[in-house]
Amino acid sequence: MEATVTKKHGKKRSTAVIKKIIADYFATQPVIKAWLFGSFARGEQTSKSDVDILFVPDRSGKPFTLFTMGGMYMDLNRLLGRDIDLVEDGSLHPAVVDSVEHDKILIYERESTRQTTD
């Protein structure tokens, strides 16, 4: 059975729905890849859990700035209706890298970066 969590506004959303919301959003943003980590990735989330997201920005086009990241943070907070941690890949504190690497689940990868097996 898919775990559900209560949104701040009283709606319940499954982890699968949260993953889809994030993936659909990142498809419109300068993001190459994104992973879920932490309690949502482990299936241990509660109604008070934040959503931990690790991502690789696309720096090949327009400059990816702190304003870009801040905008994504605010958008995802609003879309998910809960607190999030949005972390750029490579900026994790060394003390948590192993834990994040163990937990992370790929939830978005830009179509043009996927490898084909043809």
PDB file of N, CA and C in Angstrom:
ATOM      1  N   MET A   1       0.841  -1.176   0.000  1.00  0.00           N
ATOM      2  CA  MET A   1       0.000   0.000   0.000  1.00  0.00           C
ATOM      3  C   MET A   1       0.888   1.242   0.000  1.00  0.00           C
ATOM      4  N   GLU A   2       0.573   2.195  -0.872  1.00  0.00           N
ATOM      5  CA  GLU A   2       1.332   3.438  -0.993  1.00  0.00           C
ATOM      6  C   GLU A   2       1.089   4.312   0.229  1.00  0.00           C
ATOM      7  N   ALA A   3       2.150   4.789   0.820  1.00  0.00           N
ATOM      8  CA  ALA A   3       2.029   5.657   1.996  1.00  0.00           C
ATOM      9  C   ALA A   3       1.414   6.988   1.595  1.00  0.00           C
ATOM     10  N   THR A   4       0.586   7.520   2.467  1.00  0.00           N
ATOM     11  CA  THR A   4       0.031   8.847   2.231  1.00  0.00           C
ATOM     12  C   THR A   4       0.477   9.767   3.344  1.00  0.00           C
ATOM     13  N   VAL A   5       0.545  11.008   3.033  1.00  0.00           N
ATOM     14  CA  VAL A   5       0.908  12.007   4.028  1.00  0.00           C
ATOM     15  C   VAL A   5      -0.100  13.134   3.953  1.00  0.00           C
ATOM     16  N   THR A   6      -0.313  13.786   5.048  1.00  0.00           N
ATOM     17  CA  THR A   6      -1.261  14.886   5.077  1.00  0.00           C
ATOM     18  C   THR A   6      -0.567  16.167   4.675  1.00  0.00           C
ATOM     19  N   LYS A   7      -1.163  16.855   3.752  1.00  0.00           N
ATOM     20  CA  LYS A   7      -0.676  18.145   3.302  1.00  0.00           C
ATOM     21  C   LYS A   7      -1.087  19.195   4.317  1.00  0.00           C
ATOM     22  N   LYS A   8      -0.392  20.315   4.356  1.00  0.00           N
ATOM     23  CA  LYS A   8      -0.720  21.389   5.292  1.00  0.00           C
ATOM     24  C   LYS A   8      -2.171  21.827   5.174  1.00  0.00           C
ATOM     25  N   HIS A   9      -2.736  21.759   3.987  1.00  0.00           N
ATOM     26  CA  HIS A   9      -4.093  22.232   3.764  1.00  0.00           C
ATOM     27  C   HIS A   9      -5.117  21.110   3.905  1.00  0.00           C
ATOM     28  N   GLY A  10      -4.743  19.987   4.488  1.00  0.00           N
ATOM     29  CA  GLY A  10      -5.678  18.921   4.780  1.00  0.00           C
ATOM     30  C   GLY A  10      -5.823  17.860   3.709  1.00  0.00           C
ATOM     31  N   LYS A  11      -5.219  18.037   2.530  1.00  0.00           N
ATOM     32  CA  LYS A  11      -5.327  17.033   1.479  1.00  0.00           C
ATOM     33  C   LYS A  11      -4.270  15.961   1.706  1.00  0.00           C
ATOM     34  N   LYS A  12      -4.612  14.731   1.324  1.00  0.00           N
ATOM     35  CA  LYS A  12      -3.627  13.661   1.422  1.00  0.00           C
ATOM     36  C   LYS A  12      -3.056  13.385   0.043  1.00  0.00           C
ATOM     37  N   ARG A  13      -1.759  13.195  -0.002  1.00  0.00           N
ATOM     38  CA  ARG A  13      -1.081  12.894  -1.253  1.00  0.00           C
ATOM     39  C   ARG A  13      -0.157  11.716  -1.033  1.00  0.00           C
ATOM     40  N   SER A  14      -0.163  10.792  -1.975  1.00  0.00           N
ATOM     41  CA  SER A  14       0.745   9.662  -1.885  1.00  0.00           C
ATOM     42  C   SER A  14       2.149  10.108  -2.278  1.00  0.00           C
ATOM     43  N   THR A  15       3.112   9.307  -1.902  1.00  0.00           N
ATOM     44  CA  THR A  15       4.494   9.590  -2.287  1.00  0.00           C
ATOM     45  C   THR A  15       4.614   9.610  -3.804  1.00  0.00           C
ATOM     46  N   ALA A  16       3.888   8.725  -4.483  1.00  0.00           N
ATOM     47  CA  ALA A  16       3.921   8.688  -5.947  1.00  0.00           C
ATOM     48  C   ALA A  16       3.421  10.003  -6.538  1.00  0.00           C
ATOM     49  N   VAL A  17       2.384  10.579  -5.957  1.00  0.00           N
ATOM     50  CA  VAL A  17       1.855  11.858  -6.442  1.00  0.00           C
ATOM     51  C   VAL A  17       2.876  12.966  -6.210  1.00  0.00           C
ATOM     52  N   ILE A  18       3.513  12.959  -5.059  1.00  0.00           N
ATOM     53  CA  ILE A  18       4.539  13.966  -4.759  1.00  0.00           C
ATOM     54  C   ILE A  18       5.698  13.853  -5.749  1.00  0.00           C
ATOM     55  N   LYS A  19       6.126  12.629  -6.055  1.00  0.00           N
ATOM     56  CA  LYS A  19       7.197  12.430  -7.039  1.00  0.00           C
ATOM     57  C   LYS A  19       6.787  12.981  -8.401  1.00  0.00           C
ATOM     58  N   LYS A  20       5.541  12.729  -8.799  1.00  0.00           N
ATOM     59  CA  LYS A  20       5.055  13.201 -10.105  1.00  0.00           C
ATOM     60  C   LYS A  20       4.987  14.727 -10.154  1.00  0.00           C
ATOM     61  N   ILE A  21       4.514  15.338  -9.089  1.00  0.00           N
ATOM     62  CA  ILE A  21       4.457  16.802  -9.044  1.00  0.00           C
ATOM     63  C   ILE A  21       5.858  17.388  -9.228  1.00  0.00           C
ATOM     64  N   ILE A  22       6.825  16.822  -8.524  1.00  0.00           N
ATOM     65  CA  ILE A  22       8.209  17.312  -8.622  1.00  0.00           C
ATOM     66  C   ILE A  22       8.752  17.093 -10.033  1.00  0.00           C
ATOM     67  N   ALA A  23       8.566  15.888 -10.581  1.00  0.00           N
ATOM     68  CA  ALA A  23       9.077  15.582 -11.922  1.00  0.00           C
ATOM     69  C   ALA A  23       8.440  16.484 -12.978  1.00  0.00           C
ATOM     70  N   ASP A  24       7.130  16.668 -12.902  1.00  0.00           N
ATOM     71  CA  ASP A  24       6.445  17.541 -13.866  1.00  0.00           C
ATOM     72  C   ASP A  24       6.957  18.977 -13.762  1.00  0.00           C
ATOM     73  N   TYR A  25       7.192  19.429 -12.547  1.00  0.00           N
ATOM     74  CA  TYR A  25       7.702  20.787 -12.352  1.00  0.00           C
ATOM     75  C   TYR A  25       9.119  20.919 -12.924  1.00  0.00           C
ATOM     76  N   PHE A  26       9.997  19.966 -12.614  1.00  0.00           N
ATOM     77  CA  PHE A  26      11.375  20.061 -13.085  1.00  0.00           C
ATOM     78  C   PHE A  26      11.469  19.974 -14.607  1.00  0.00           C
ATOM     79  N   ALA A  27      10.486  19.372 -15.255  1.00  0.00           N
ATOM     80  CA  ALA A  27      10.478  19.316 -16.720  1.00  0.00           C
ATOM     81  C   ALA A  27      10.375  20.713 -17.329  1.00  0.00           C
ATOM     82  N   THR A  28       9.942  21.687 -16.538  1.00  0.00           N
ATOM     83  CA  THR A  28       9.807  23.068 -17.019  1.00  0.00           C
ATOM     84  C   THR A  28      10.941  23.967 -16.525  1.00  0.00           C
ATOM     85  N   GLN A  29      11.914  23.386 -15.848  1.00  0.00           N
ATOM     86  CA  GLN A  29      12.976  24.159 -15.203  1.00  0.00           C
ATOM     87  C   GLN A  29      14.353  23.765 -15.738  1.00  0.00           C
ATOM     88  N   PRO A  30      15.381  24.582 -15.465  1.00  0.00           N
ATOM     89  CA  PRO A  30      16.738  24.241 -15.889  1.00  0.00           C
ATOM     90  C   PRO A  30      17.358  23.182 -14.962  1.00  0.00           C
ATOM     91  N   VAL A  31      16.769  21.986 -15.006  1.00  0.00           N
ATOM     92  CA  VAL A  31      17.209  20.877 -14.157  1.00  0.00           C
ATOM     93  C   VAL A  31      17.454  19.662 -15.050  1.00  0.00           C
ATOM     94  N   ILE A  32      18.584  19.001 -14.847  1.00  0.00           N
ATOM     95  CA  ILE A  32      18.939  17.821 -15.629  1.00  0.00           C
ATOM     96  C   ILE A  32      18.467  16.546 -14.944  1.00  0.00           C
ATOM     97  N   LYS A  33      18.681  16.453 -13.630  1.00  0.00           N
ATOM     98  CA  LYS A  33      18.305  15.265 -12.862  1.00  0.00           C
ATOM     99  C   LYS A  33      17.865  15.684 -11.477  1.00  0.00           C
ATOM    100  N   ALA A  34      17.005  14.854 -10.873  1.00  0.00           N
ATOM    101  CA  ALA A  34      16.595  15.118  -9.491  1.00  0.00           C
ATOM    102  C   ALA A  34      16.295  13.806  -8.788  1.00  0.00           C
ATOM    103  N   TRP A  35      16.608  13.792  -7.499  1.00  0.00           N
ATOM    104  CA  TRP A  35      16.376  12.623  -6.659  1.00  0.00           C
ATOM    105  C   TRP A  35      15.619  13.042  -5.404  1.00  0.00           C
ATOM    106  N   LEU A  36      14.839  12.127  -4.899  1.00  0.00           N
ATOM    107  CA  LEU A  36      14.221  12.277  -3.590  1.00  0.00           C
ATOM    108  C   LEU A  36      15.135  11.570  -2.608  1.00  0.00           C
ATOM    109  N   PHE A  37      15.355  12.139  -1.433  1.00  0.00           N
ATOM    110  CA  PHE A  37      16.125  11.447  -0.403  1.00  0.00           C
ATOM    111  C   PHE A  37      15.473  11.730   0.940  1.00  0.00           C
ATOM    112  N   GLY A  38      16.004  11.169   1.985  1.00  0.00           N
ATOM    113  CA  GLY A  38      15.438  11.395   3.314  1.00  0.00           C
ATOM    114  C   GLY A  38      14.224  10.525   3.578  1.00  0.00           C
ATOM    115  N   SER A  39      13.348  11.005   4.451  1.00  0.00           N
ATOM    116  CA  SER A  39      12.231  10.183   4.928  1.00  0.00           C
ATOM    117  C   SER A  39      11.291   9.752   3.808  1.00  0.00           C
ATOM    118  N   PHE A  40      11.055  10.604   2.811  1.00  0.00           N
ATOM    119  CA  PHE A  40      10.171  10.207   1.707  1.00  0.00           C
ATOM    120  C   PHE A  40      10.786   9.085   0.886  1.00  0.00           C
ATOM    121  N   ALA A  41      12.085   9.124   0.668  1.00  0.00           N
ATOM    122  CA  ALA A  41      12.758   8.071  -0.094  1.00  0.00           C
ATOM    123  C   ALA A  41      12.762   6.755   0.672  1.00  0.00           C
ATOM    124  N   ARG A  42      12.830   6.839   1.986  1.00  0.00           N
ATOM    125  CA  ARG A  42      12.846   5.626   2.818  1.00  0.00           C
ATOM    126  C   ARG A  42      11.447   5.125   3.162  1.00  0.00           C
ATOM    127  N   GLY A  43      10.415   5.890   2.839  1.00  0.00           N
ATOM    128  CA  GLY A  43       9.046   5.508   3.194  1.00  0.00           C
ATOM    129  C   GLY A  43       8.747   5.716   4.664  1.00  0.00           C
ATOM    130  N   GLU A  44       9.465   6.619   5.309  1.00  0.00           N
ATOM    131  CA  GLU A  44       9.307   6.869   6.745  1.00  0.00           C
ATOM    132  C   GLU A  44       8.713   8.247   7.037  1.00  0.00           C
ATOM    133  N   GLN A  45       8.152   8.895   6.020  1.00  0.00           N
ATOM    134  CA  GLN A  45       7.639  10.249   6.188  1.00  0.00           C
ATOM    135  C   GLN A  45       6.399  10.281   7.081  1.00  0.00           C
ATOM    136  N   THR A  46       6.215  11.436   7.693  1.00  0.00           N
ATOM    137  CA  THR A  46       5.026  11.706   8.502  1.00  0.00           C
ATOM    138  C   THR A  46       4.369  12.968   7.943  1.00  0.00           C
ATOM    139  N   SER A  47       3.275  13.361   8.538  1.00  0.00           N
ATOM    140  CA  SER A  47       2.599  14.579   8.078  1.00  0.00           C
ATOM    141  C   SER A  47       3.459  15.824   8.305  1.00  0.00           C
ATOM    142  N   LYS A  48       4.466  15.724   9.159  1.00  0.00           N
ATOM    143  CA  LYS A  48       5.337  16.868   9.449  1.00  0.00           C
ATOM    144  C   LYS A  48       6.666  16.820   8.698  1.00  0.00           C
ATOM    145  N   SER A  49       6.893  15.763   7.929  1.00  0.00           N
ATOM    146  CA  SER A  49       8.163  15.621   7.212  1.00  0.00           C
ATOM    147  C   SER A  49       8.285  16.642   6.095  1.00  0.00           C
ATOM    148  N   ASP A  50       9.512  17.129   5.915  1.00  0.00           N
ATOM    149  CA  ASP A  50       9.762  17.943   4.736  1.00  0.00           C
ATOM    150  C   ASP A  50      10.131  17.009   3.590  1.00  0.00           C
ATOM    151  N   VAL A  51      10.170  17.554   2.390  1.00  0.00           N
ATOM    152  CA  VAL A  51      10.532  16.778   1.210  1.00  0.00           C
ATOM    153  C   VAL A  51      11.953  17.174   0.837  1.00  0.00           C
ATOM    154  N   ASP A  52      12.858  16.205   0.841  1.00  0.00           N
ATOM    155  CA  ASP A  52      14.270  16.445   0.540  1.00  0.00           C
ATOM    156  C   ASP A  52      14.528  16.122  -0.927  1.00  0.00           C
ATOM    157  N   ILE A  53      15.023  17.110  -1.666  1.00  0.00           N
ATOM    158  CA  ILE A  53      15.238  16.972  -3.103  1.00  0.00           C
ATOM    159  C   ILE A  53      16.677  17.356  -3.438  1.00  0.00           C
ATOM    160  N   LEU A  54      17.370  16.462  -4.123  1.00  0.00           N
ATOM    161  CA  LEU A  54      18.724  16.697  -4.621  1.00  0.00           C
ATOM    162  C   LEU A  54      18.603  16.874  -6.132  1.00  0.00           C
ATOM    163  N   PHE A  55      19.289  17.859  -6.707  1.00  0.00           N
ATOM    164  CA  PHE A  55      19.135  18.083  -8.142  1.00  0.00           C
ATOM    165  C   PHE A  55      20.445  18.519  -8.790  1.00  0.00           C
ATOM    166  N   VAL A  56      20.509  18.308 -10.111  1.00  0.00           N
ATOM    167  CA  VAL A  56      21.624  18.777 -10.932  1.00  0.00           C
ATOM    168  C   VAL A  56      21.075  19.880 -11.832  1.00  0.00           C
ATOM    169  N   PRO A  57      21.557  21.111 -11.664  1.00  0.00           N
ATOM    170  CA  PRO A  57      21.061  22.201 -12.512  1.00  0.00           C
ATOM    171  C   PRO A  57      21.657  22.136 -13.913  1.00  0.00           C
ATOM    172  N   ASP A  58      20.924  22.684 -14.863  1.00  0.00           N
ATOM    173  CA  ASP A  58      21.428  22.817 -16.225  1.00  0.00           C
ATOM    174  C   ASP A  58      22.084  24.186 -16.335  1.00  0.00           C
ATOM    175  N   ARG A  59      23.377  24.196 -16.477  1.00  0.00           N
ATOM    176  CA  ARG A  59      24.120  25.454 -16.568  1.00  0.00           C
ATOM    177  C   ARG A  59      24.530  25.756 -18.016  1.00  0.00           C
ATOM    178  N   SER A  60      23.928  25.045 -18.976  1.00  0.00           N
ATOM    179  CA  SER A  60      24.321  25.242 -20.376  1.00  0.00           C
ATOM    180  C   SER A  60      23.586  26.395 -21.051  1.00  0.00           C
ATOM    181  N   GLY A  61      22.505  26.847 -20.465  1.00  0.00           N
ATOM    182  CA  GLY A  61      21.728  27.936 -21.065  1.00  0.00           C
ATOM    183  C   GLY A  61      21.891  29.217 -20.283  1.00  0.00           C
ATOM    184  N   LYS A  62      20.738  29.775 -19.905  1.00  0.00           N
ATOM    185  CA  LYS A  62      20.757  30.997 -19.098  1.00  0.00           C
ATOM    186  C   LYS A  62      21.494  30.718 -17.792  1.00  0.00           C
ATOM    187  N   PRO A  63      22.082  31.739 -17.189  1.00  0.00           N
ATOM    188  CA  PRO A  63      22.774  31.536 -15.914  1.00  0.00           C
ATOM    189  C   PRO A  63      21.832  30.955 -14.849  1.00  0.00           C
ATOM    190  N   PHE A  64      22.322  29.962 -14.130  1.00  0.00           N
ATOM    191  CA  PHE A  64      21.568  29.383 -13.017  1.00  0.00           C
ATOM    192  C   PHE A  64      22.038  30.120 -11.767  1.00  0.00           C
ATOM    193  N   THR A  65      21.161  30.953 -11.215  1.00  0.00           N
ATOM    194  CA  THR A  65      21.547  31.825 -10.112  1.00  0.00           C
ATOM    195  C   THR A  65      20.834  31.436  -8.824  1.00  0.00           C
ATOM    196  N   LEU A  66      21.196  32.122  -7.765  1.00  0.00           N
ATOM    197  CA  LEU A  66      20.506  31.935  -6.489  1.00  0.00           C
ATOM    198  C   LEU A  66      19.032  32.314  -6.625  1.00  0.00           C
ATOM    199  N   PHE A  67      18.734  33.284  -7.480  1.00  0.00           N
ATOM    200  CA  PHE A  67      17.334  33.664  -7.720  1.00  0.00           C
ATOM    201  C   PHE A  67      16.572  32.528  -8.405  1.00  0.00           C
ATOM    202  N   THR A  68      17.241  31.841  -9.336  1.00  0.00           N
ATOM    203  CA  THR A  68      16.621  30.691 -10.001  1.00  0.00           C
ATOM    204  C   THR A  68      16.277  29.625  -8.973  1.00  0.00           C
ATOM    205  N   MET A  69      17.241  29.303  -8.130  1.00  0.00           N
ATOM    206  CA  MET A  69      17.024  28.277  -7.112  1.00  0.00           C
ATOM    207  C   MET A  69      15.963  28.722  -6.110  1.00  0.00           C
ATOM    208  N   GLY A  70      15.994  29.989  -5.712  1.00  0.00           N
ATOM    209  CA  GLY A  70      14.988  30.502  -4.787  1.00  0.00           C
ATOM    210  C   GLY A  70      13.586  30.420  -5.367  1.00  0.00           C
ATOM    211  N   GLY A  71      13.463  30.711  -6.653  1.00  0.00           N
ATOM    212  CA  GLY A  71      12.170  30.594  -7.318  1.00  0.00           C
ATOM    213  C   GLY A  71      11.675  29.159  -7.341  1.00  0.00           C
ATOM    214  N   MET A  72      12.588  28.222  -7.630  1.00  0.00           N
ATOM    215  CA  MET A  72      12.203  26.805  -7.630  1.00  0.00           C
ATOM    216  C   MET A  72      11.778  26.373  -6.231  1.00  0.00           C
ATOM    217  N   TYR A  73      12.510  26.821  -5.228  1.00  0.00           N
ATOM    218  CA  TYR A  73      12.185  26.486  -3.841  1.00  0.00           C
ATOM    219  C   TYR A  73      10.773  26.967  -3.496  1.00  0.00           C
ATOM    220  N   MET A  74      10.482  28.211  -3.825  1.00  0.00           N
ATOM    221  CA  MET A  74       9.156  28.767  -3.511  1.00  0.00           C
ATOM    222  C   MET A  74       8.053  28.051  -4.288  1.00  0.00           C
ATOM    223  N   ASP A  75       8.296  27.763  -5.563  1.00  0.00           N
ATOM    224  CA  ASP A  75       7.305  27.058  -6.377  1.00  0.00           C
ATOM    225  C   ASP A  75       7.013  25.672  -5.818  1.00  0.00           C
ATOM    226  N   LEU A  76       8.068  24.924  -5.484  1.00  0.00           N
ATOM    227  CA  LEU A  76       7.869  23.562  -4.971  1.00  0.00           C
ATOM    228  C   LEU A  76       7.195  23.572  -3.608  1.00  0.00           C
ATOM    229  N   ASN A  77       7.548  24.522  -2.764  1.00  0.00           N
ATOM    230  CA  ASN A  77       6.863  24.669  -1.473  1.00  0.00           C
ATOM    231  C   ASN A  77       5.365  24.831  -1.688  1.00  0.00           C
ATOM    232  N   ARG A  78       5.006  25.699  -2.635  1.00  0.00           N
ATOM    233  CA  ARG A  78       3.595  25.968  -2.922  1.00  0.00           C
ATOM    234  C   ARG A  78       2.917  24.745  -3.547  1.00  0.00           C
ATOM    235  N   LEU A  79       3.558  24.130  -4.531  1.00  0.00           N
ATOM    236  CA  LEU A  79       2.965  22.985  -5.221  1.00  0.00           C
ATOM    237  C   LEU A  79       2.757  21.790  -4.297  1.00  0.00           C
ATOM    238  N   LEU A  80       3.709  21.567  -3.397  1.00  0.00           N
ATOM    239  CA  LEU A  80       3.631  20.409  -2.504  1.00  0.00           C
ATOM    240  C   LEU A  80       2.878  20.720  -1.222  1.00  0.00           C
ATOM    241  N   GLY A  81       2.782  21.993  -0.881  1.00  0.00           N
ATOM    242  CA  GLY A  81       2.084  22.380   0.339  1.00  0.00           C
ATOM    243  C   GLY A  81       2.798  21.946   1.596  1.00  0.00           C
ATOM    244  N   ARG A  82       4.100  21.845   1.514  1.00  0.00           N
ATOM    245  CA  ARG A  82       4.906  21.452   2.677  1.00  0.00           C
ATOM    246  C   ARG A  82       6.310  21.992   2.514  1.00  0.00           C
ATOM    247  N   ASP A  83       7.045  21.976   3.608  1.00  0.00           N
ATOM    248  CA  ASP A  83       8.428  22.438   3.572  1.00  0.00           C
ATOM    249  C   ASP A  83       9.263  21.496   2.718  1.00  0.00           C
ATOM    250  N   ILE A  84      10.255  22.073   2.061  1.00  0.00           N
ATOM    251  CA  ILE A  84      11.179  21.266   1.268  1.00  0.00           C
ATOM    252  C   ILE A  84      12.607  21.666   1.598  1.00  0.00           C
ATOM    253  N   ASP A  85      13.525  20.757   1.315  1.00  0.00           N
ATOM    254  CA  ASP A  85      14.952  21.057   1.274  1.00  0.00           C
ATOM    255  C   ASP A  85      15.363  20.821  -0.168  1.00  0.00           C
ATOM    256  N   LEU A  86      15.853  21.840  -0.824  1.00  0.00           N
ATOM    257  CA  LEU A  86      16.285  21.767  -2.212  1.00  0.00           C
ATOM    258  C   LEU A  86      17.796  21.922  -2.219  1.00  0.00           C
ATOM    259  N   VAL A  87      18.494  20.852  -2.599  1.00  0.00           N
ATOM    260  CA  VAL A  87      19.947  20.806  -2.468  1.00  0.00           C
ATOM    261  C   VAL A  87      20.585  20.522  -3.825  1.00  0.00           C
ATOM    262  N   GLU A  88      21.503  21.384  -4.220  1.00  0.00           N
ATOM    263  CA  GLU A  88      22.222  21.163  -5.469  1.00  0.00           C
ATOM    264  C   GLU A  88      23.233  20.040  -5.282  1.00  0.00           C
ATOM    265  N   ASP A  89      23.267  19.112  -6.247  1.00  0.00           N
ATOM    266  CA  ASP A  89      24.210  18.003  -6.195  1.00  0.00           C
ATOM    267  C   ASP A  89      25.627  18.560  -6.111  1.00  0.00           C
ATOM    268  N   GLY A  90      26.421  18.009  -5.216  1.00  0.00           N
ATOM    269  CA  GLY A  90      27.789  18.466  -5.015  1.00  0.00           C
ATOM    270  C   GLY A  90      27.935  19.441  -3.869  1.00  0.00           C
ATOM    271  N   SER A  91      26.805  19.866  -3.284  1.00  0.00           N
ATOM    272  CA  SER A  91      26.892  20.841  -2.192  1.00  0.00           C
ATOM    273  C   SER A  91      26.503  20.255  -0.834  1.00  0.00           C
ATOM    274  N   LEU A  92      26.323  18.945  -0.778  1.00  0.00           N
ATOM    275  CA  LEU A  92      25.987  18.301   0.496  1.00  0.00           C
ATOM    276  C   LEU A  92      27.168  18.352   1.454  1.00  0.00           C
ATOM    277  N   HIS A  93      26.865  18.464   2.714  1.00  0.00           N
ATOM    278  CA  HIS A  93      27.908  18.399   3.738  1.00  0.00           C
ATOM    279  C   HIS A  93      28.504  16.988   3.701  1.00  0.00           C
ATOM    280  N   PRO A  94      29.823  16.858   3.764  1.00  0.00           N
ATOM    281  CA  PRO A  94      30.462  15.539   3.692  1.00  0.00           C
ATOM    282  C   PRO A  94      29.914  14.523   4.701  1.00  0.00           C
ATOM    283  N   ALA A  95      29.440  14.987   5.837  1.00  0.00           N
ATOM    284  CA  ALA A  95      28.941  14.068   6.866  1.00  0.00           C
ATOM    285  C   ALA A  95      27.660  13.349   6.453  1.00  0.00           C
ATOM    286  N   VAL A  96      26.920  13.888   5.463  1.00  0.00           N
ATOM    287  CA  VAL A  96      25.650  13.257   5.081  1.00  0.00           C
ATOM    288  C   VAL A  96      25.668  12.643   3.684  1.00  0.00           C
ATOM    289  N   VAL A  97      26.764  12.777   2.959  1.00  0.00           N
ATOM    290  CA  VAL A  97      26.828  12.281   1.583  1.00  0.00           C
ATOM    291  C   VAL A  97      26.501  10.794   1.506  1.00  0.00           C
ATOM    292  N   ASP A  98      27.108   9.971   2.336  1.00  0.00           N
ATOM    293  CA  ASP A  98      26.868   8.526   2.275  1.00  0.00           C
ATOM    294  C   ASP A  98      25.409   8.184   2.531  1.00  0.00           C
ATOM    295  N   SER A  99      24.802   8.831   3.501  1.00  0.00           N
ATOM    296  CA  SER A  99      23.397   8.587   3.820  1.00  0.00           C
ATOM    297  C   SER A  99      22.496   8.970   2.647  1.00  0.00           C
ATOM    298  N   VAL A 100      22.741  10.120   2.053  1.00  0.00           N
ATOM    299  CA  VAL A 100      21.935  10.573   0.911  1.00  0.00           C
ATOM    300  C   VAL A 100      22.129   9.633  -0.270  1.00  0.00           C
ATOM    301  N   GLU A 101      23.361   9.265  -0.556  1.00  0.00           N
ATOM    302  CA  GLU A 101      23.637   8.342  -1.665  1.00  0.00           C
ATOM    303  C   GLU A 101      22.920   7.009  -1.459  1.00  0.00           C
ATOM    304  N   HIS A 102      22.836   6.556  -0.234  1.00  0.00           N
ATOM    305  CA  HIS A 102      22.159   5.294   0.075  1.00  0.00           C
ATOM    306  C   HIS A 102      20.653   5.399  -0.124  1.00  0.00           C
ATOM    307  N   ASP A 103      20.070   6.529   0.254  1.00  0.00           N
ATOM    308  CA  ASP A 103      18.612   6.705   0.237  1.00  0.00           C
ATOM    309  C   ASP A 103      18.039   7.185  -1.087  1.00  0.00           C
ATOM    310  N   LYS A 104      18.820   7.905  -1.870  1.00  0.00           N
ATOM    311  CA  LYS A 104      18.233   8.665  -2.974  1.00  0.00           C
ATOM    312  C   LYS A 104      17.567   7.784  -4.036  1.00  0.00           C
ATOM    313  N   ILE A 105      16.457   8.346  -4.558  1.00  0.00           N
ATOM    314  CA  ILE A 105      15.662   7.691  -5.593  1.00  0.00           C
ATOM    315  C   ILE A 105      15.519   8.679  -6.745  1.00  0.00           C
ATOM    316  N   LEU A 106      15.917   8.262  -7.938  1.00  0.00           N
ATOM    317  CA  LEU A 106      15.795   9.131  -9.109  1.00  0.00           C
ATOM    318  C   LEU A 106      14.318   9.381  -9.406  1.00  0.00           C
ATOM    319  N   ILE A 107      13.927  10.649  -9.471  1.00  0.00           N
ATOM    320  CA  ILE A 107      12.529  10.975  -9.764  1.00  0.00           C
ATOM    321  C   ILE A 107      12.383  11.802 -11.035  1.00  0.00           C
ATOM    322  N   TYR A 108      13.488  12.326 -11.551  1.00  0.00           N
ATOM    323  CA  TYR A 108      13.418  13.099 -12.791  1.00  0.00           C
ATOM    324  C   TYR A 108      14.762  13.035 -13.499  1.00  0.00           C
ATOM    325  N   GLU A 109      14.692  12.838 -14.813  1.00  0.00           N
ATOM    326  CA  GLU A 109      15.876  12.942 -15.656  1.00  0.00           C
ATOM    327  C   GLU A 109      15.429  13.506 -16.991  1.00  0.00           C
ATOM    328  N   ARG A 110      16.058  14.598 -17.393  1.00  0.00           N
ATOM    329  CA  ARG A 110      15.689  15.226 -18.658  1.00  0.00           C
ATOM    330  C   ARG A 110      15.835  14.209 -19.780  1.00  0.00           C
ATOM    331  N   GLU A 111      14.847  14.182 -20.631  1.00  0.00           N
ATOM    332  CA  GLU A 111      14.778  13.200 -21.721  1.00  0.00           C
ATOM    333  C   GLU A 111      16.053  13.157 -22.549  1.00  0.00           C
ATOM    334  N   SER A 112      16.606  14.296 -22.894  1.00  0.00           N
ATOM    335  CA  SER A 112      17.785  14.337 -23.764  1.00  0.00           C
ATOM    336  C   SER A 112      19.052  13.822 -23.089  1.00  0.00           C
ATOM    337  N   THR A 113      19.024  13.622 -21.765  1.00  0.00           N
ATOM    338  CA  THR A 113      20.223  13.131 -21.080  1.00  0.00           C
ATOM    339  C   THR A 113      20.167  11.631 -20.824  1.00  0.00           C
ATOM    340  N   ARG A 114      19.018  11.019 -21.067  1.00  0.00           N
ATOM    341  CA  ARG A 114      18.899   9.576 -20.845  1.00  0.00           C
ATOM    342  C   ARG A 114      19.678   8.832 -21.911  1.00  0.00           C
ATOM    343  N   GLN A 115      20.321   7.768 -21.493  1.00  0.00           N
ATOM    344  CA  GLN A 115      21.068   6.963 -22.443  1.00  0.00           C
ATOM    345  C   GLN A 115      20.135   5.942 -23.067  1.00  0.00           C
ATOM    346  N   THR A 116      20.303   5.740 -24.365  1.00  0.00           N
ATOM    347  CA  THR A 116      19.479   4.745 -25.047  1.00  0.00           C
ATOM    348  C   THR A 116      20.258   3.455 -25.167  1.00  0.00           C
ATOM    349  N   THR A 117      19.532   2.362 -25.325  1.00  0.00           N
ATOM    350  CA  THR A 117      20.175   1.047 -25.429  1.00  0.00           C
ATOM    351  C   THR A 117      19.972   0.459 -26.811  1.00  0.00           C
ATOM    352  N   ASP A 118      19.820   1.334 -27.832  1.00  0.00           N
ATOM    353  CA  ASP A 118      19.607   0.855 -29.209  1.00  0.00           C
ATOM    354  C   ASP A 118      20.880   0.331 -29.803  1.00  0.00           C
TER     355      ASP A 118
END
